[in-house]
């Protein structure tokens, strides 16, 4: 008995889902939508299409095809091995050069601090040393 009641309830819900939708524009130009027709004339009934559903297995297969296509495009766009290695070597050399520049800046700042300055100049040098030291740590030590 509960199964029959549940089936009837589902059937009634499905029938009510097929109700018409009405559209009209009021005097101020606003567009309204409703499931009951308005009292005034000039309204139109809108037919609502059923939503398109795709089974999960089809969706998974399609996403796998897209993933494979992207991988093949990435492989085609990647440079050749020699170019990749040359580019990596060039990047390492640039990084080493930048790290050496940071070390030289830190050494210069340290020499200036040892020479002795007034409070303002010393504070500016210490602040600059902190900034360069952070850059050195982030790009050369931690990376």
C-alpha atoms as a PDB file:
ATOM      1  CA  UNK A   1       0.000   0.000   0.000  1.00  0.00           C
ATOM      2  CA  UNK A   2       2.768   2.557   0.778  1.00  0.00           C
ATOM      3  CA  UNK A   3       4.362   1.818  -2.594  1.00  0.00           C
ATOM      4  CA  UNK A   4       1.144   2.589  -4.426  1.00  0.00           C
ATOM      5  CA  UNK A   5       0.724   5.846  -2.506  1.00  0.00           C
ATOM      6  CA  UNK A   6       4.308   6.834  -3.302  1.00  0.00           C
ATOM      7  CA  UNK A   7       3.806   6.030  -6.986  1.00  0.00           C
ATOM      8  CA  UNK A   8       0.623   8.123  -7.115  1.00  0.00           C
ATOM      9  CA  UNK A   9       2.370  11.007  -5.374  1.00  0.00           C
ATOM     10  CA  UNK A  10       5.209  10.891  -7.916  1.00  0.00           C
ATOM     11  CA  UNK A  11       2.718  10.787 -10.768  1.00  0.00           C
ATOM     12  CA  UNK A  12       0.884  13.846  -9.417  1.00  0.00           C
ATOM     13  CA  UNK A  13       4.172  15.722  -9.005  1.00  0.00           C
ATOM     14  CA  UNK A  14       5.109  14.921 -12.601  1.00  0.00           C
ATOM     15  CA  UNK A  15       1.757  16.165 -13.877  1.00  0.00           C
ATOM     16  CA  UNK A  16       2.057  19.425 -11.959  1.00  0.00           C
ATOM     17  CA  UNK A  17       5.555  19.929 -13.381  1.00  0.00           C
ATOM     18  CA  UNK A  18       4.031  20.203 -16.866  1.00  0.00           C
ATOM     19  CA  UNK A  19       2.141  23.416 -15.951  1.00  0.00           C
ATOM     20  CA  UNK A  20       2.280  26.333 -18.376  1.00  0.00           C
ATOM     21  CA  UNK A  21       4.313  29.451 -17.710  1.00  0.00           C
ATOM     22  CA  UNK A  22       2.987  32.859 -18.669  1.00  0.00           C
ATOM     23  CA  UNK A  23       4.970  35.973 -19.547  1.00  0.00           C
ATOM     24  CA  UNK A  24       3.763  39.540 -19.650  1.00  0.00           C
ATOM     25  CA  UNK A  25       5.029  43.110 -19.475  1.00  0.00           C
ATOM     26  CA  UNK A  26       3.401  45.569 -17.072  1.00  0.00           C
ATOM     27  CA  UNK A  27       2.827  49.297 -17.611  1.00  0.00           C
ATOM     28  CA  UNK A  28       6.268  50.252 -16.301  1.00  0.00           C
ATOM     29  CA  UNK A  29       7.994  47.894 -18.763  1.00  0.00           C
ATOM     30  CA  UNK A  30       8.952  45.166 -16.278  1.00  0.00           C
ATOM     31  CA  UNK A  31       8.728  41.586 -17.516  1.00  0.00           C
ATOM     32  CA  UNK A  32       6.955  39.083 -15.265  1.00  0.00           C
ATOM     33  CA  UNK A  33       6.685  35.286 -15.282  1.00  0.00           C
ATOM     34  CA  UNK A  34       4.037  33.237 -13.508  1.00  0.00           C
ATOM     35  CA  UNK A  35       2.367  29.832 -13.566  1.00  0.00           C
ATOM     36  CA  UNK A  36      -1.071  31.467 -13.437  1.00  0.00           C
ATOM     37  CA  UNK A  37      -2.286  33.727 -16.240  1.00  0.00           C
ATOM     38  CA  UNK A  38      -2.622  37.410 -15.334  1.00  0.00           C
ATOM     39  CA  UNK A  39      -6.009  39.145 -15.391  1.00  0.00           C
ATOM     40  CA  UNK A  40      -4.940  41.478 -18.171  1.00  0.00           C
ATOM     41  CA  UNK A  41      -4.525  40.704 -21.846  1.00  0.00           C
ATOM     42  CA  UNK A  42      -1.227  40.726 -23.653  1.00  0.00           C
ATOM     43  CA  UNK A  43       0.307  37.752 -21.949  1.00  0.00           C
ATOM     44  CA  UNK A  44       1.846  34.829 -23.768  1.00  0.00           C
ATOM     45  CA  UNK A  45       2.340  31.201 -22.816  1.00  0.00           C
ATOM     46  CA  UNK A  46       5.915  29.921 -22.801  1.00  0.00           C
ATOM     47  CA  UNK A  47       6.761  26.343 -23.526  1.00  0.00           C
ATOM     48  CA  UNK A  48       9.565  25.014 -21.374  1.00  0.00           C
ATOM     49  CA  UNK A  49      11.720  22.318 -22.893  1.00  0.00           C
ATOM     50  CA  UNK A  50      12.705  19.309 -20.862  1.00  0.00           C
ATOM     51  CA  UNK A  51      16.239  19.474 -19.512  1.00  0.00           C
ATOM     52  CA  UNK A  52      18.776  17.412 -21.363  1.00  0.00           C
ATOM     53  CA  UNK A  53      20.379  14.789 -19.187  1.00  0.00           C
ATOM     54  CA  UNK A  54      23.471  12.835 -20.079  1.00  0.00           C
ATOM     55  CA  UNK A  55      24.181   9.498 -18.427  1.00  0.00           C
ATOM     56  CA  UNK A  56      27.206   9.579 -16.145  1.00  0.00           C
ATOM     57  CA  UNK A  57      29.073   6.924 -18.142  1.00  0.00           C
ATOM     58  CA  UNK A  58      28.763   8.988 -21.337  1.00  0.00           C
ATOM     59  CA  UNK A  59      29.913  12.094 -19.488  1.00  0.00           C
ATOM     60  CA  UNK A  60      32.958  10.271 -18.098  1.00  0.00           C
ATOM     61  CA  UNK A  61      33.909   8.925 -21.543  1.00  0.00           C
ATOM     62  CA  UNK A  62      33.586  12.408 -23.033  1.00  0.00           C
ATOM     63  CA  UNK A  63      35.748  13.959 -20.300  1.00  0.00           C
ATOM     64  CA  UNK A  64      38.388  11.268 -20.879  1.00  0.00           C
ATOM     65  CA  UNK A  65      38.433  12.109 -24.614  1.00  0.00           C
ATOM     66  CA  UNK A  66      38.868  15.801 -23.796  1.00  0.00           C
ATOM     67  CA  UNK A  67      41.684  14.991 -21.352  1.00  0.00           C
ATOM     68  CA  UNK A  68      43.480  12.879 -23.974  1.00  0.00           C
ATOM     69  CA  UNK A  69      43.092  15.635 -26.566  1.00  0.00           C
ATOM     70  CA  UNK A  70      44.588  18.190 -24.190  1.00  0.00           C
ATOM     71  CA  UNK A  71      47.516  15.899 -23.396  1.00  0.00           C
ATOM     72  CA  UNK A  72      48.260  15.335 -27.078  1.00  0.00           C
ATOM     73  CA  UNK A  73      48.122  19.081 -27.759  1.00  0.00           C
ATOM     74  CA  UNK A  74      50.453  19.758 -24.827  1.00  0.00           C
ATOM     75  CA  UNK A  75      52.889  17.137 -26.160  1.00  0.00           C
ATOM     76  CA  UNK A  76      52.816  18.760 -29.600  1.00  0.00           C
ATOM     77  CA  UNK A  77      53.434  22.214 -28.136  1.00  0.00           C
ATOM     78  CA  UNK A  78      56.290  21.141 -25.864  1.00  0.00           C
ATOM     79  CA  UNK A  79      59.726  21.989 -27.149  1.00  0.00           C
ATOM     80  CA  UNK A  80      62.117  19.233 -28.117  1.00  0.00           C
ATOM     81  CA  UNK A  81      64.247  17.666 -25.363  1.00  0.00           C
ATOM     82  CA  UNK A  82      67.367  19.584 -26.372  1.00  0.00           C
ATOM     83  CA  UNK A  83      65.490  22.874 -26.251  1.00  0.00           C
ATOM     84  CA  UNK A  84      63.960  22.020 -22.865  1.00  0.00           C
ATOM     85  CA  UNK A  85      67.357  21.165 -21.390  1.00  0.00           C
ATOM     86  CA  UNK A  86      68.939  24.293 -22.864  1.00  0.00           C
ATOM     87  CA  UNK A  87      66.122  26.427 -21.490  1.00  0.00           C
ATOM     88  CA  UNK A  88      66.423  24.815 -18.041  1.00  0.00           C
ATOM     89  CA  UNK A  89      70.185  25.399 -18.054  1.00  0.00           C
ATOM     90  CA  UNK A  90      69.671  29.014 -19.039  1.00  0.00           C
ATOM     91  CA  UNK A  91      67.112  29.471 -16.239  1.00  0.00           C
ATOM     92  CA  UNK A  92      69.536  27.921 -13.713  1.00  0.00           C
ATOM     93  CA  UNK A  93      72.276  30.253 -14.886  1.00  0.00           C
ATOM     94  CA  UNK A  94      69.987  33.303 -14.578  1.00  0.00           C
ATOM     95  CA  UNK A  95      68.964  32.197 -11.097  1.00  0.00           C
ATOM     96  CA  UNK A  96      72.599  31.717 -10.058  1.00  0.00           C
ATOM     97  CA  UNK A  97      73.423  35.167 -11.415  1.00  0.00           C
ATOM     98  CA  UNK A  98      70.522  36.708  -9.487  1.00  0.00           C
ATOM     99  CA  UNK A  99      71.599  34.904  -6.298  1.00  0.00           C
ATOM    100  CA  UNK A 100      75.147  36.197  -6.728  1.00  0.00           C
ATOM    101  CA  UNK A 101      73.758  39.729  -7.112  1.00  0.00           C
ATOM    102  CA  UNK A 102      71.808  39.340  -3.863  1.00  0.00           C
ATOM    103  CA  UNK A 103      74.931  38.057  -2.052  1.00  0.00           C
ATOM    104  CA  UNK A 104      76.986  41.001  -3.337  1.00  0.00           C
ATOM    105  CA  UNK A 105      74.298  43.464  -2.192  1.00  0.00           C
ATOM    106  CA  UNK A 106      74.205  41.852   1.251  1.00  0.00           C
ATOM    107  CA  UNK A 107      78.025  42.058   1.497  1.00  0.00           C
ATOM    108  CA  UNK A 108      78.028  45.760   0.507  1.00  0.00           C
ATOM    109  CA  UNK A 109      75.297  46.559   3.022  1.00  0.00           C
ATOM    110  CA  UNK A 110      77.185  44.683   5.744  1.00  0.00           C
ATOM    111  CA  UNK A 111      80.393  46.597   4.976  1.00  0.00           C
ATOM    112  CA  UNK A 112      78.496  49.895   5.170  1.00  0.00           C
ATOM    113  CA  UNK A 113      76.945  48.896   8.490  1.00  0.00           C
ATOM    114  CA  UNK A 114      80.377  48.024   9.929  1.00  0.00           C
ATOM    115  CA  UNK A 115      81.716  51.417   8.850  1.00  0.00           C
ATOM    116  CA  UNK A 116      79.282  53.011  11.286  1.00  0.00           C
ATOM    117  CA  UNK A 117      76.477  55.397  10.485  1.00  0.00           C
ATOM    118  CA  UNK A 118      74.039  57.504  12.439  1.00  0.00           C
ATOM    119  CA  UNK A 119      70.748  56.040  13.558  1.00  0.00           C
ATOM    120  CA  UNK A 120      68.735  57.070  10.479  1.00  0.00           C
ATOM    121  CA  UNK A 121      71.266  55.801   7.940  1.00  0.00           C
ATOM    122  CA  UNK A 122      71.874  52.638   9.976  1.00  0.00           C
ATOM    123  CA  UNK A 123      68.136  51.944  10.201  1.00  0.00           C
ATOM    124  CA  UNK A 124      67.741  52.394   6.445  1.00  0.00           C
ATOM    125  CA  UNK A 125      70.629  50.023   5.804  1.00  0.00           C
ATOM    126  CA  UNK A 126      69.204  47.416   8.191  1.00  0.00           C
ATOM    127  CA  UNK A 127      65.810  47.690   6.487  1.00  0.00           C
ATOM    128  CA  UNK A 128      67.435  47.269   3.081  1.00  0.00           C
ATOM    129  CA  UNK A 129      69.411  44.285   4.413  1.00  0.00           C
ATOM    130  CA  UNK A 130      66.163  42.655   5.612  1.00  0.00           C
ATOM    131  CA  UNK A 131      64.516  43.099   2.197  1.00  0.00           C
ATOM    132  CA  UNK A 132      67.495  41.766   0.237  1.00  0.00           C
ATOM    133  CA  UNK A 133      67.903  38.915   2.713  1.00  0.00           C
ATOM    134  CA  UNK A 134      64.245  37.943   2.252  1.00  0.00           C
ATOM    135  CA  UNK A 135      64.616  38.032  -1.531  1.00  0.00           C
ATOM    136  CA  UNK A 136      67.765  35.917  -1.281  1.00  0.00           C
ATOM    137  CA  UNK A 137      66.043  33.410   0.998  1.00  0.00           C
ATOM    138  CA  UNK A 138      62.929  33.147  -1.183  1.00  0.00           C
ATOM    139  CA  UNK A 139      64.712  32.850  -4.532  1.00  0.00           C
ATOM    140  CA  UNK A 140      67.960  31.117  -3.670  1.00  0.00           C
ATOM    141  CA  UNK A 141      67.602  29.129  -0.460  1.00  0.00           C
ATOM    142  CA  UNK A 142      63.977  28.022  -0.311  1.00  0.00           C
ATOM    143  CA  UNK A 143      63.354  27.587  -4.028  1.00  0.00           C
END
